[in-house]
Protein backbone atom coordinates (compact mmCIF):
# COMPACT_ATOMS: atom_id res chain seq x y z
CA MET A 1 307.90 145.29 27.01
CA SER A 2 306.38 148.47 25.59
CA GLY A 3 309.74 150.24 25.63
CA ALA A 4 311.77 147.47 24.00
CA ALA A 5 311.23 148.69 20.42
CA ARG A 6 312.96 151.98 21.28
CA ALA A 7 315.63 150.70 23.67
CA ALA A 8 319.11 150.20 22.22
CA LEU A 9 320.70 146.86 23.01
CA PRO A 10 324.33 146.31 24.06
CA ALA A 11 326.56 145.36 21.13
CA GLU A 12 327.26 141.92 22.58
CA VAL A 13 323.53 141.20 22.87
CA VAL A 14 322.93 142.30 19.28
CA GLU A 15 325.63 139.90 18.09
CA HIS A 16 324.07 137.04 20.07
CA ALA A 17 320.65 137.89 18.63
CA LYS A 18 322.01 137.73 15.09
CA HIS A 19 323.51 134.29 15.78
CA HIS A 20 320.18 132.97 17.07
CA ILE A 21 318.16 134.55 14.26
CA LEU A 22 320.45 133.03 11.64
CA ASP A 23 320.39 129.67 13.41
CA THR A 24 316.57 129.70 13.51
CA PHE A 25 316.24 130.74 9.86
CA ALA A 26 318.51 127.81 9.00
CA ALA A 27 316.31 125.49 11.07
CA MET A 28 313.21 126.79 9.28
CA VAL A 29 314.69 126.28 5.81
CA SER A 30 316.10 122.83 6.56
CA GLY A 31 312.90 121.88 8.38
CA SER A 32 310.86 122.67 5.27
CA GLU A 33 312.32 119.50 3.72
CA LEU A 34 311.42 117.23 6.64
CA GLY A 35 308.17 115.48 7.55
CA PRO A 36 306.82 118.20 9.88
CA GLY A 37 307.65 120.84 7.25
CA HIS A 38 305.74 118.89 4.62
CA ALA A 39 302.82 118.60 7.05
CA ALA A 40 302.85 122.38 7.57
CA VAL A 41 302.75 123.01 3.83
CA ARG A 42 299.87 120.55 3.39
CA TYR A 43 297.93 122.46 6.01
CA LEU A 44 298.63 125.79 4.31
CA ARG A 45 297.57 124.51 0.91
CA SER A 46 294.35 123.05 2.32
CA HIS A 47 293.17 125.57 4.87
CA ALA A 48 295.29 128.74 5.19
CA GLY A 49 294.17 132.11 3.94
CA GLN A 50 296.16 134.41 1.71
CA GLY A 51 298.56 136.98 3.07
CA ALA A 52 301.91 138.68 2.73
CA ALA A 53 303.89 136.71 5.32
CA THR A 54 306.75 134.50 4.14
CA ILE A 55 306.78 130.70 4.43
CA ALA A 56 310.38 129.52 4.62
CA GLY A 57 311.70 127.01 2.13
CA SER A 58 308.66 127.31 -0.14
CA LYS A 59 307.10 129.77 -2.60
CA LEU A 60 304.01 130.14 -0.42
CA SER A 61 302.83 133.12 1.58
CA ALA A 62 300.06 133.36 4.15
CA GLY A 63 298.51 135.57 6.77
CA PRO A 64 300.66 136.25 9.84
CA VAL A 65 298.97 133.70 12.11
CA ASP A 66 299.25 130.84 9.62
CA ALA A 67 302.79 131.87 8.67
CA ALA A 68 303.86 131.82 12.32
CA LEU A 69 302.33 128.36 12.71
CA ALA A 70 304.04 126.93 9.62
CA ASN A 71 307.45 128.51 10.21
CA GLY A 72 307.34 127.49 13.87
CA VAL A 73 306.70 123.88 12.91
CA MET A 74 309.55 124.03 10.39
CA ALA A 75 311.91 125.59 12.93
CA HIS A 76 311.45 122.60 15.24
CA ALA A 77 310.96 120.00 12.52
CA ASP A 78 313.91 118.22 14.07
CA GLU A 79 316.52 118.90 16.77
CA THR A 80 318.32 121.75 14.99
CA ASP A 81 317.03 124.80 16.86
CA ASP A 82 318.36 126.51 19.99
CA SER A 83 317.46 125.73 23.61
CA HIS A 84 317.45 127.45 27.01
CA GLY A 85 318.28 124.99 29.77
CA ARG A 86 317.16 126.82 32.90
CA SER A 87 313.66 127.49 31.56
CA ARG A 88 313.35 124.13 29.76
CA SER A 89 312.41 125.80 26.50
CA HIS A 90 313.40 126.21 22.86
CA PRO A 91 312.89 129.95 22.43
CA GLY A 92 313.96 130.47 18.83
CA CYS A 93 311.47 128.15 17.11
CA ALA A 94 308.54 130.15 18.52
CA VAL A 95 309.96 133.65 18.95
CA VAL A 96 311.67 134.14 15.59
CA PRO A 97 308.74 132.93 13.41
CA ALA A 98 306.36 135.12 15.43
CA ALA A 99 308.64 138.15 15.14
CA LEU A 100 309.06 137.56 11.41
CA ALA A 101 305.31 137.21 10.78
CA ALA A 102 304.46 140.32 12.79
CA GLY A 103 307.49 142.15 11.43
CA GLU A 104 306.30 141.57 7.88
CA GLU A 105 302.71 142.46 8.78
CA PHE A 106 303.75 145.81 10.26
CA ARG A 107 306.72 146.28 7.91
CA VAL A 108 309.24 146.87 10.69
CA ASP A 109 312.92 147.45 10.07
CA GLY A 110 315.76 145.14 11.01
CA THR A 111 316.61 147.00 14.21
CA ARG A 112 313.10 146.64 15.61
CA PHE A 113 313.09 142.99 14.55
CA LEU A 114 316.31 142.42 16.53
CA ARG A 115 314.79 144.08 19.59
CA ALA A 116 311.53 142.17 19.26
CA VAL A 117 313.35 138.83 19.11
CA THR A 118 315.53 139.71 22.10
CA LEU A 119 312.46 140.73 24.12
CA GLY A 120 310.76 137.45 23.26
CA TYR A 121 313.67 135.44 24.66
CA ASP A 122 313.56 137.53 27.85
CA VAL A 123 309.83 137.28 28.50
CA GLY A 124 309.13 133.65 27.58
CA THR A 125 311.98 132.14 29.55
CA ARG A 126 311.20 134.20 32.66
CA VAL A 127 307.62 132.89 32.75
CA THR A 128 308.68 129.26 33.10
CA LEU A 129 311.58 130.18 35.39
CA ALA A 130 309.01 131.79 37.68
CA MET A 131 306.90 128.62 37.49
CA GLY A 132 309.82 126.54 38.73
CA GLY A 133 311.95 125.91 35.65
CA VAL A 134 313.42 122.44 35.36
CA ASN A 135 311.66 121.02 38.43
CA PHE A 136 308.27 122.29 37.23
CA SER A 137 308.90 120.77 33.82
CA TYR A 138 309.65 117.30 35.20
CA ASP A 139 307.00 117.30 37.95
CA SER A 140 303.95 118.91 36.32
CA HIS A 141 303.45 116.95 33.08
CA LYS A 142 303.00 120.32 31.37
CA SER A 143 305.16 121.46 28.46
CA THR A 144 307.40 124.34 29.53
CA HIS A 145 308.54 124.46 25.91
CA ALA A 146 305.06 125.49 24.80
CA ILE A 147 304.46 127.86 27.73
CA ALA A 148 307.74 129.74 27.37
CA GLY A 149 307.29 129.72 23.61
CA VAL A 150 303.85 131.32 23.60
CA PHE A 151 304.78 134.13 25.98
CA GLY A 152 308.01 134.75 24.07
CA ALA A 153 306.22 134.75 20.73
CA ALA A 154 303.53 137.12 22.02
CA ALA A 155 306.11 139.55 23.41
CA ALA A 156 308.05 139.57 20.14
CA ALA A 157 304.93 140.03 17.99
CA ALA A 158 303.57 142.75 20.28
CA CYS A 159 306.89 144.60 20.12
CA ALA A 160 306.77 144.45 16.32
CA ALA A 161 303.20 145.77 16.47
CA GLY A 162 304.32 148.73 18.61
CA LEU A 163 301.85 148.18 21.44
CA ASP A 164 301.86 150.45 24.50
CA ALA A 165 302.10 149.40 28.15
CA GLN A 166 298.36 148.96 28.65
CA GLN A 167 298.09 146.90 25.49
CA MET A 168 301.02 144.75 26.61
CA ARG A 169 299.05 143.87 29.76
CA TRP A 170 296.18 142.66 27.60
CA VAL A 171 298.57 140.73 25.35
CA LEU A 172 299.83 138.87 28.41
CA ASP A 173 296.21 138.15 29.38
CA TYR A 174 295.25 136.66 26.01
CA THR A 175 298.52 134.72 25.94
CA ALA A 176 297.85 133.23 29.37
CA GLN A 177 294.41 132.11 28.14
CA GLN A 178 296.05 130.40 25.17
CA SER A 179 298.93 128.88 27.13
CA SER A 180 298.77 125.11 26.76
CA GLY A 181 300.79 121.99 26.07
CA ILE A 182 301.41 118.74 27.95
CA ALA A 183 304.46 116.52 28.03
CA ALA A 184 302.77 113.78 25.97
CA TRP A 185 304.87 115.13 23.08
CA ARG A 186 307.57 112.76 24.34
CA ARG A 187 305.56 109.89 22.83
CA ASP A 188 305.45 111.46 19.36
CA THR A 189 307.38 109.23 16.94
CA ASP A 190 307.33 111.44 13.83
CA HIS A 191 308.20 114.80 15.44
CA ILE A 192 305.12 116.45 13.93
CA GLU A 193 303.25 116.90 17.21
CA LYS A 194 306.49 117.91 18.94
CA ALA A 195 307.11 120.56 16.27
CA PHE A 196 303.60 121.87 16.82
CA VAL A 197 303.97 121.97 20.62
CA PHE A 198 307.43 123.57 20.66
CA GLY A 199 307.21 125.92 17.69
CA GLY A 200 304.02 126.10 15.64
CA MET A 201 301.37 126.35 18.36
CA PRO A 202 303.15 128.94 20.53
CA ALA A 203 304.17 131.06 17.53
CA ARG A 204 300.61 131.02 16.18
CA SER A 205 299.02 131.81 19.54
CA GLY A 206 301.53 134.54 20.37
CA VAL A 207 300.89 136.34 17.09
CA THR A 208 297.16 135.95 17.66
CA SER A 209 297.43 137.69 21.04
CA ALA A 210 299.28 140.63 19.52
CA LEU A 211 296.91 141.00 16.57
CA LEU A 212 293.79 140.81 18.74
CA VAL A 213 294.97 143.61 20.99
CA GLN A 214 296.38 145.66 18.10
CA SER A 215 292.92 145.55 16.50
CA GLY A 216 291.32 147.06 19.61
CA TRP A 217 290.54 144.21 22.00
CA ASN A 218 290.94 144.76 25.75
CA GLY A 219 291.07 142.28 28.60
CA VAL A 220 292.26 141.61 32.16
CA ASP A 221 294.99 144.00 33.33
CA ASP A 222 296.83 141.74 35.78
CA ILE A 223 296.76 138.11 34.65
CA PHE A 224 299.76 137.19 36.85
CA SER A 225 298.01 138.29 40.09
CA GLY A 226 294.54 138.56 41.61
CA THR A 227 291.66 136.09 41.52
CA ASP A 228 292.12 133.00 39.35
CA ASN A 229 295.43 134.29 38.02
CA PHE A 230 297.81 132.39 35.74
CA PHE A 231 300.08 131.10 38.50
CA LEU A 232 297.18 129.88 40.66
CA ALA A 233 295.94 127.90 37.68
CA TYR A 234 299.26 126.49 36.51
CA ALA A 235 301.90 126.70 39.26
CA PRO A 236 300.65 127.70 42.74
CA ALA A 237 304.19 127.42 44.15
CA ALA A 238 305.59 129.85 41.57
CA ASP A 239 307.85 132.77 42.38
CA PRO A 240 306.35 135.69 40.41
CA ALA A 241 309.28 137.95 41.32
CA GLN A 242 311.34 136.08 38.74
CA LEU A 243 309.20 137.54 35.95
CA ALA A 244 311.08 140.82 36.21
CA GLU A 245 314.35 139.68 37.79
CA ALA A 246 317.20 141.61 36.11
CA LEU A 247 314.90 142.37 33.18
CA GLY A 248 316.77 144.80 30.95
CA GLU A 249 320.07 143.81 32.56
CA ARG A 250 320.32 140.04 32.01
CA TYR A 251 319.49 139.13 28.43
CA GLU A 252 318.37 135.51 28.16
CA ILE A 253 319.33 135.31 24.50
CA THR A 254 322.96 135.34 25.70
CA GLN A 255 322.13 132.38 27.98
CA THR A 256 320.59 130.27 25.22
CA ASP A 257 322.42 127.35 23.59
CA ILE A 258 323.05 127.00 19.87
CA LYS A 259 323.49 123.38 18.94
CA LYS A 260 326.68 122.42 17.19
CA TRP A 261 325.19 119.04 16.27
CA THR A 262 321.70 118.82 14.75
CA VAL A 263 320.52 116.21 17.25
CA GLY A 264 318.64 116.13 20.55
CA SER A 265 320.23 118.18 23.32
CA PRO A 266 321.21 115.19 25.52
CA ILE A 267 323.30 113.78 22.64
CA GLN A 268 325.37 116.96 22.22
CA GLY A 269 327.76 116.25 25.09
CA PRO A 270 328.49 112.64 24.15
CA LEU A 271 329.25 113.66 20.54
CA ASP A 272 331.56 116.40 21.82
CA ALA A 273 333.27 113.77 23.96
CA VAL A 274 333.90 111.35 21.08
CA GLU A 275 335.23 114.20 18.94
CA ALA A 276 337.57 115.26 21.75
CA MET A 277 338.84 111.70 22.22
CA ARG A 278 339.57 111.38 18.53
CA GLY A 279 341.50 114.63 18.74
CA ARG A 280 343.81 113.05 21.32
CA ARG A 281 344.04 109.57 19.77
CA ALA A 282 343.04 108.75 16.21
CA PHE A 283 341.03 105.54 15.80
CA GLU A 284 338.70 103.84 13.35
CA ALA A 285 335.26 102.51 14.17
CA ASP A 286 336.39 98.88 13.97
CA GLN A 287 339.05 99.60 16.60
CA VAL A 288 336.36 100.46 19.14
CA GLU A 289 335.33 97.64 21.44
CA ARG A 290 332.83 99.44 23.68
CA VAL A 291 331.39 102.90 24.39
CA VAL A 292 329.76 103.65 27.74
CA VAL A 293 327.79 106.89 28.09
CA ARG A 294 326.48 108.13 31.43
CA LEU A 295 323.72 110.75 31.66
CA ALA A 296 321.27 111.82 34.35
CA PRO A 297 318.20 109.54 34.22
CA ALA A 298 315.70 112.22 33.17
CA VAL A 299 318.07 113.32 30.41
CA ALA A 300 318.96 109.79 29.27
CA ALA A 301 315.31 108.78 28.98
CA VAL A 302 314.75 111.35 26.22
CA VAL A 303 317.33 109.75 23.90
CA ASP A 304 317.53 106.10 24.96
CA ASN A 305 317.01 103.80 21.96
CA ARG A 306 314.47 106.09 20.30
CA ASP A 307 313.20 105.28 16.82
CA ILE A 308 314.02 108.73 15.38
CA PRO A 309 317.69 108.97 14.36
CA ASP A 310 318.45 112.48 15.63
CA ILE A 311 317.11 111.74 19.11
CA CYS A 312 318.58 108.24 19.45
CA LEU A 313 321.88 108.40 21.34
CA GLN A 314 323.01 104.88 20.51
CA HIS A 315 322.46 105.44 16.80
CA MET A 316 324.17 108.83 16.67
CA ILE A 317 327.22 107.55 18.55
CA ALA A 318 327.45 104.75 15.98
CA VAL A 319 327.23 107.31 13.16
CA MET A 320 329.92 109.40 14.84
CA LEU A 321 332.23 106.39 15.07
CA LEU A 322 331.79 105.61 11.37
CA ASP A 323 331.63 109.11 9.84
CA LYS A 324 333.93 110.92 12.31
CA THR A 325 331.27 113.63 12.42
CA ALA A 326 327.49 113.90 12.70
CA SER A 327 326.14 115.82 9.73
CA PHE A 328 322.59 117.08 9.29
CA LYS A 329 322.10 114.54 6.50
CA ALA A 330 323.26 111.64 8.63
CA ALA A 331 321.12 112.71 11.58
CA HIS A 332 318.00 112.54 9.41
CA ASP A 333 318.72 109.34 7.48
CA LYS A 334 316.13 107.05 9.07
CA PRO A 335 316.76 104.08 6.73
CA ARG A 336 320.37 104.10 7.89
CA MET A 337 319.16 103.02 11.32
CA GLN A 338 318.79 99.55 9.77
CA ASP A 339 322.17 99.56 8.00
CA ALA A 340 324.27 96.55 9.04
CA ALA A 341 327.46 98.60 9.50
CA VAL A 342 325.67 101.07 11.78
CA LEU A 343 324.00 98.31 13.77
CA ARG A 344 327.39 96.67 14.40
CA GLN A 345 328.68 99.90 15.94
CA ARG A 346 325.42 100.58 17.79
CA ALA A 347 325.71 97.23 19.55
CA LYS A 348 328.88 98.54 21.23
CA VAL A 349 327.11 101.53 22.83
CA GLU A 350 325.74 101.33 26.36
CA LEU A 351 323.76 104.21 27.90
CA ILE A 352 323.69 104.26 31.71
CA HIS A 353 321.07 106.29 33.58
CA ASP A 354 323.35 107.68 36.29
CA GLU A 355 321.58 109.00 39.41
CA THR A 356 324.72 110.79 40.60
CA LEU A 357 324.48 113.14 37.60
CA ALA A 358 320.86 114.09 38.42
CA ARG A 359 322.11 116.29 41.27
CA LEU A 360 323.96 118.47 38.76
CA LEU A 361 320.89 119.38 36.68
CA PRO A 362 320.10 121.68 34.89
CA VAL A 363 323.77 121.28 33.85
CA ARG A 364 323.73 118.17 31.67
CA VAL A 365 327.01 116.44 32.43
CA ALA A 366 328.00 113.62 30.09
CA LEU A 367 330.58 110.98 31.03
CA VAL A 368 331.90 108.88 28.15
CA GLU A 369 334.33 105.96 28.32
CA LEU A 370 335.59 104.44 25.07
CA SER A 371 337.52 101.15 25.03
CA LEU A 372 339.68 100.17 22.07
CA THR A 373 340.52 96.63 20.99
CA ASP A 374 344.19 97.14 21.93
CA GLY A 375 343.24 97.73 25.56
CA THR A 376 343.36 101.54 25.45
CA ARG A 377 340.68 103.31 27.49
CA LEU A 378 339.72 106.89 26.69
CA THR A 379 337.50 108.93 28.99
CA GLU A 380 335.92 112.36 28.67
CA ARG A 381 333.71 114.41 30.99
CA VAL A 382 331.71 117.13 29.24
CA GLU A 383 330.19 119.81 31.46
CA ALA A 384 330.04 122.68 28.98
CA VAL A 385 328.75 121.46 25.63
CA ARG A 386 329.95 123.34 22.58
CA GLY A 387 327.36 125.99 21.83
CA THR A 388 326.40 126.65 25.46
CA PRO A 389 327.13 130.05 27.07
CA ARG A 390 330.11 128.52 28.88
CA ASN A 391 331.54 127.18 25.62
CA PRO A 392 329.97 129.24 22.82
CA MET A 393 330.27 128.57 19.12
CA SER A 394 332.22 131.12 17.14
CA LYS A 395 330.62 133.23 14.43
CA ALA A 396 332.40 131.05 11.88
CA GLU A 397 330.90 127.90 13.42
CA VAL A 398 327.39 129.40 13.37
CA ILE A 399 327.88 130.34 9.72
CA GLY A 400 329.22 126.87 8.97
CA LYS A 401 326.18 125.21 10.52
CA CYS A 402 323.84 127.53 8.58
CA THR A 403 325.64 126.74 5.33
CA ASP A 404 325.34 122.99 5.96
CA LEU A 405 321.59 123.35 6.47
CA VAL A 406 320.61 126.02 3.93
CA ALA A 407 322.94 125.73 0.94
CA PRO A 408 321.71 122.27 -0.20
CA ILE A 409 318.15 123.62 -0.36
CA LEU A 410 318.47 127.25 -1.51
CA GLY A 411 321.92 127.20 -3.09
CA SER A 412 325.27 128.54 -1.95
CA GLU A 413 324.82 132.03 -3.37
CA LYS A 414 321.46 132.66 -1.70
CA CYS A 415 322.74 131.15 1.54
CA ALA A 416 325.70 133.55 1.53
CA ARG A 417 323.37 136.52 0.96
CA LEU A 418 321.13 135.42 3.82
CA ILE A 419 324.12 135.22 6.16
CA GLU A 420 325.38 138.63 5.05
CA THR A 421 321.94 140.20 5.49
CA VAL A 422 321.34 138.81 8.97
CA PHE A 423 324.68 140.12 10.19
CA ALA A 424 323.72 143.54 8.81
CA LEU A 425 320.08 143.59 9.94
CA GLU A 426 320.37 147.23 11.01
CA ALA A 427 320.53 148.13 7.31
CA VAL A 428 317.25 146.34 6.48
CA ALA A 429 314.45 148.89 6.09
CA ASP A 430 311.56 146.41 5.76
CA MET A 431 311.60 142.81 6.96
CA ARG A 432 309.71 141.76 3.83
CA ALA A 433 313.04 142.21 2.04
CA LEU A 434 314.21 138.91 3.56
CA ARG A 435 311.61 136.84 1.72
CA PRO A 436 313.75 136.08 -1.36
CA LEU A 437 316.58 134.92 0.92
CA ILE A 438 314.63 132.19 2.72
CA GLN A 439 312.52 130.98 -0.19
CA PRO A 440 313.57 129.10 -3.34
CA GLY A 441 313.87 131.12 -6.54
């Protein structure tokens, strides 16, 4: 961790990091226009102190801790941000806001920012992998998204702060003390609490850890071992060896998904499937008689008839049938959930909780069968969703997604400059130079 700021990254890893940074900036900007983003701004206006750190999508600035909180909430204001399946986490919405806040505080250059972000993805994901990953997430009632997020955010912020090895030990200690989050976020209907748990809280707490130690605080040297250590408290069956497994060789940012569709992760595969079917056989929505989607039960439960459009599978399949795509605008149009035309299509969609697919987790296999009124049956099995490491999005697709999210808010010209700057981060001398590119004029 202490050496990451000086360690050159492989070119492929740098390119991946730029994709995820751009994708998270786009999520922050687009999230500023959604309910959780509005809630973050209300908090800043009411309670936050002054500071030099940027608040995306607004003309506000704040201190680094409050900025990390607000930008983290915006980054997960909906289901736009990236995700890491094996660790059950969304690294970008915590790591990138924390790295940006600390990067602005300590006026780091673009190269160090890239390295800080990459380190954050490596550290946060390995903590929850050591705890048990997917199985721990489903069995413990704790939020791996918050736990991985806070350790990732702390690592990124501490890298930006230039802390040495001893200080990194103390950062891990203060981060473990702040690690929190329970799976009750699944009952959140407005995505505000979920945005706090996934992005805002871990980003805020991670930056706090780094700033406390940078200001001279000390603490426990070995929070992952010894009496009353982190794993004894949270996951007694953990495998601590995974904390450092292939660290510096396997970069988790290259194993993190970027969503093609701005909807909940379990809906990605079914949307890919409908798009693939249409590529083989053109059809209109009214020609569809029935759509059957099969997902593993734990996966299906997240998106089964939810009352938020972008995490409701039945609704998004209906939108896909009508629009022949699933745009950001459509995924966030809650009134459209009551539209008669959408409801007619939604009535055709059946989601089956398929136990046979549970054995394949953490790979989220989606089976989709679409029946047309003329008797034609189309089937598609999706094992590698577009945007996953096995089926990655191209640079052009990442840029296209960013443009769809950012241009309507900041304008096409500013969006193009943001994209150009992120792909040339090595030329940025001070991360404060990015402020005009993620705020309105």
